[in-house]
Every structure is written in C-alpha cells, then in structure tokens.
Amino acid sequence: MKEAARHILRRPVIGIAAAARTPDGKWVLIRRADTGRWALPGGTLEWGETLRESLTREMEEEAGISGVVPSRVVGVYSRPDRDPRFHGVTVVVLCEVEAPTARPKNPAEILDVALFADADVPELEFGMRDMLDAARRGGDAELE
C-alpha cells in the first residue's frame, strides 16, 4: 500500500491559471493566505472537470469573477521546482473579465483580490512573472 501511494502521489498535478485582464487593461491578482504574496488566480483540476470548467470555478472562488472569456493558451509550465508543494503542470490562459463583484470564497486560502496596472504589478509567487510576461506578449504558447 505504501509503495502504491508513493507512486500515485509522485505524479504531477494539473492546474490552470488565469492571466485575466479587465476592459481597462488591469490584471487580476489574488493574494495567497499561505505566503501573503500575490499570484495569478487558478488552481488544480478536479476529477471529472474540464480545463474550461476549472478556470470558471477558480475565478469565481478565488477572485469573485463570473463571466470569464478565455481567448488563448499562453503556455504550459511544468518546471518541477516552480512550486515547492508539489510538481505542478500549469496551463495558463489569457482571459477577458469584468472587475470582481464578490470577495474570495475561502479567506483561509485567498486573502484578497485586486486589479493592477502593468506598471504596478507586484512580485508574483511561484515564478508566475514569466507566465504574466507571456500573456503580455499576447499569449505565445510557451512550453516549459
């Protein structure tokens, strides 16, 4: 049993992150409760869920945003050292959204959501700066 669990738990986790921009050009970022740092909204794919469904759910839960309009895949990021918690494979999607209309649903996970102009984007958690930079370039479908 222990050997089987070791193999199951040593598999990459699939996730999605939104490089979400409002009509006035501001980026949507969430402030994580575990580190207190800013990040792109997103999370892991749940069993039986498509990437589009996961994106919609995560934006509602983490950023209080409904009506996400994905435009293109920015890239797929799989560097094992990106996230110290696990080996994640993250699909980053460029999205158009309206400003948040609700607070994050789980304050134990997400402390805040805010909009940032390009010049004001803070340092991002888990090496997400390169993900956002790829989105700024228009989503050139990077593969890491």
Protein backbone atom coordinates (compact mmCIF):
# COMPACT_ATOMS: atom_id res chain seq x y z
CA MET A 1 0.00 0.00 0.00
CA LYS A 2 2.76 2.41 0.97
CA GLU A 3 4.62 1.70 -2.29
CA ALA A 4 1.45 2.29 -4.35
CA ALA A 5 0.76 5.58 -2.53
CA ARG A 6 4.34 6.72 -3.18
CA HIS A 7 3.87 6.24 -6.92
CA ILE A 8 0.42 7.81 -7.02
CA LEU A 9 1.48 10.87 -5.03
CA ARG A 10 4.61 11.39 -7.12
CA ARG A 11 2.63 12.30 -10.21
CA PRO A 12 2.39 15.87 -11.47
CA VAL A 13 -0.76 17.79 -10.57
CA ILE A 14 -2.59 19.53 -13.43
CA GLY A 15 -3.67 23.09 -12.82
CA ILE A 16 -4.88 26.16 -14.59
CA ALA A 17 -4.06 29.82 -14.05
CA ALA A 18 -5.79 32.87 -15.50
CA ALA A 19 -3.86 35.79 -16.91
CA ALA A 20 -7.08 37.76 -16.54
CA ARG A 21 -7.42 41.33 -17.78
CA THR A 22 -10.27 43.80 -17.35
CA PRO A 23 -11.51 46.05 -20.21
CA ASP A 24 -9.42 48.93 -18.84
CA GLY A 25 -6.25 46.83 -19.11
CA LYS A 26 -5.73 45.89 -15.46
CA TRP A 27 -4.55 42.45 -14.37
CA VAL A 28 -6.49 40.46 -11.75
CA LEU A 29 -4.28 39.09 -8.99
CA ILE A 30 -5.06 37.25 -5.78
CA ARG A 31 -3.12 37.44 -2.51
CA ARG A 32 -2.49 33.96 -1.13
CA ALA A 33 -3.08 33.28 2.56
CA ASP A 34 -0.27 30.71 2.84
CA THR A 35 2.51 33.09 1.72
CA GLY A 36 0.87 36.53 1.75
CA ARG A 37 2.16 37.08 -1.79
CA TRP A 38 0.34 37.90 -5.00
CA ALA A 39 -0.34 35.35 -7.74
CA LEU A 40 -2.44 34.67 -10.79
CA PRO A 41 -5.81 33.19 -9.86
CA GLY A 42 -6.16 29.50 -10.54
CA GLY A 43 -5.91 26.06 -9.06
CA THR A 44 -5.92 22.37 -9.67
CA LEU A 45 -8.23 20.49 -11.95
CA GLU A 46 -10.87 18.49 -10.08
CA TRP A 47 -11.90 14.97 -11.04
CA GLY A 48 -14.38 14.99 -13.93
CA GLU A 49 -13.79 18.66 -14.73
CA THR A 50 -12.58 20.22 -17.99
CA LEU A 51 -9.94 22.93 -18.04
CA ARG A 52 -12.59 25.49 -19.05
CA GLU A 53 -14.84 24.43 -16.15
CA SER A 54 -11.90 24.60 -13.76
CA LEU A 55 -10.99 28.08 -14.99
CA THR A 56 -14.55 29.33 -14.46
CA ARG A 57 -14.80 27.75 -10.99
CA GLU A 58 -11.41 29.02 -9.82
CA MET A 59 -12.12 32.58 -10.98
CA GLU A 60 -15.40 32.59 -9.03
CA GLU A 61 -13.87 31.03 -5.91
CA GLU A 62 -10.62 32.97 -5.79
CA ALA A 63 -11.40 36.29 -7.47
CA GLY A 64 -15.18 36.75 -7.22
CA ILE A 65 -15.45 36.93 -11.00
CA SER A 66 -18.02 35.26 -13.22
CA GLY A 67 -18.28 35.54 -16.97
CA VAL A 68 -14.69 34.63 -17.85
CA VAL A 69 -13.95 34.86 -21.58
CA PRO A 70 -10.82 32.82 -22.38
CA SER A 71 -9.01 33.96 -25.52
CA ARG A 72 -5.94 31.72 -25.88
CA VAL A 73 -3.49 29.46 -24.13
CA VAL A 74 -0.44 31.46 -23.08
CA GLY A 75 1.69 28.45 -22.26
CA VAL A 76 2.13 25.22 -20.35
CA TYR A 77 4.56 25.40 -17.44
CA SER A 78 5.98 22.24 -15.90
CA ARG A 79 9.30 23.07 -14.26
CA PRO A 80 9.40 20.82 -11.14
CA ASP A 81 10.99 23.50 -8.94
CA ARG A 82 8.34 26.15 -9.63
CA ASP A 83 6.13 25.17 -6.67
CA PRO A 84 7.69 23.72 -3.51
CA ARG A 85 4.45 21.95 -2.52
CA PHE A 86 4.24 19.59 -5.49
CA HIS A 87 5.19 19.15 -9.14
CA GLY A 88 2.54 21.13 -10.96
CA VAL A 89 1.82 21.35 -14.65
CA THR A 90 0.04 24.67 -15.15
CA VAL A 91 -1.91 25.69 -18.25
CA VAL A 92 -2.01 29.49 -18.40
CA VAL A 93 -4.93 31.06 -20.24
CA LEU A 94 -5.27 34.68 -21.31
CA CYS A 95 -8.79 35.84 -20.34
CA GLU A 96 -11.01 38.86 -20.56
CA VAL A 97 -13.02 39.55 -17.40
CA GLU A 98 -15.03 42.23 -15.70
CA ALA A 99 -13.89 43.57 -12.34
CA PRO A 100 -14.59 41.35 -9.31
CA THR A 101 -18.10 41.59 -7.90
CA ALA A 102 -17.60 39.39 -4.83
CA ARG A 103 -14.94 38.59 -2.25
CA PRO A 104 -12.89 35.38 -2.46
CA LYS A 105 -14.97 32.46 -1.18
CA ASN A 106 -12.31 30.94 1.07
CA PRO A 107 -10.44 33.54 3.16
CA ALA A 108 -8.28 30.74 4.61
CA GLU A 109 -6.84 30.30 1.10
CA ILE A 110 -7.18 33.74 -0.54
CA LEU A 111 -6.78 36.96 1.46
CA ASP A 112 -7.59 39.49 -1.23
CA VAL A 113 -8.19 40.15 -4.90
CA ALA A 114 -7.04 43.33 -6.62
CA LEU A 115 -6.58 44.92 -10.02
CA PHE A 116 -3.13 46.11 -11.11
CA ALA A 117 -1.96 48.27 -13.99
CA ASP A 118 1.06 46.86 -15.86
CA ALA A 119 3.48 49.20 -14.10
CA ASP A 120 2.10 48.32 -10.65
CA VAL A 121 2.16 44.51 -10.75
CA PRO A 122 3.99 43.29 -7.61
CA GLU A 123 6.37 40.35 -7.39
CA LEU A 124 4.41 37.16 -8.07
CA GLU A 125 4.51 33.86 -6.21
CA PHE A 126 5.69 30.54 -7.70
CA GLY A 127 7.60 32.12 -10.57
CA MET A 128 4.42 33.42 -12.17
CA ARG A 129 6.10 36.55 -13.52
CA ASP A 130 7.13 34.70 -16.68
CA MET A 131 3.56 33.48 -17.12
CA LEU A 132 2.26 37.04 -16.92
CA ASP A 133 5.01 38.27 -19.23
CA ALA A 134 3.98 35.68 -21.82
CA ALA A 135 0.38 36.91 -21.53
CA ARG A 136 1.57 40.49 -22.03
CA ARG A 137 3.23 39.39 -25.26
CA GLY A 138 -0.15 38.14 -26.44
CA GLY A 139 -0.01 34.53 -25.47
CA ASP A 140 2.73 32.93 -27.47
CA ALA A 141 2.01 29.38 -26.19
CA GLU A 142 5.23 28.72 -24.34
CA LEU A 143 6.09 25.18 -23.36
CA GLU A 144 8.26 24.76 -20.30
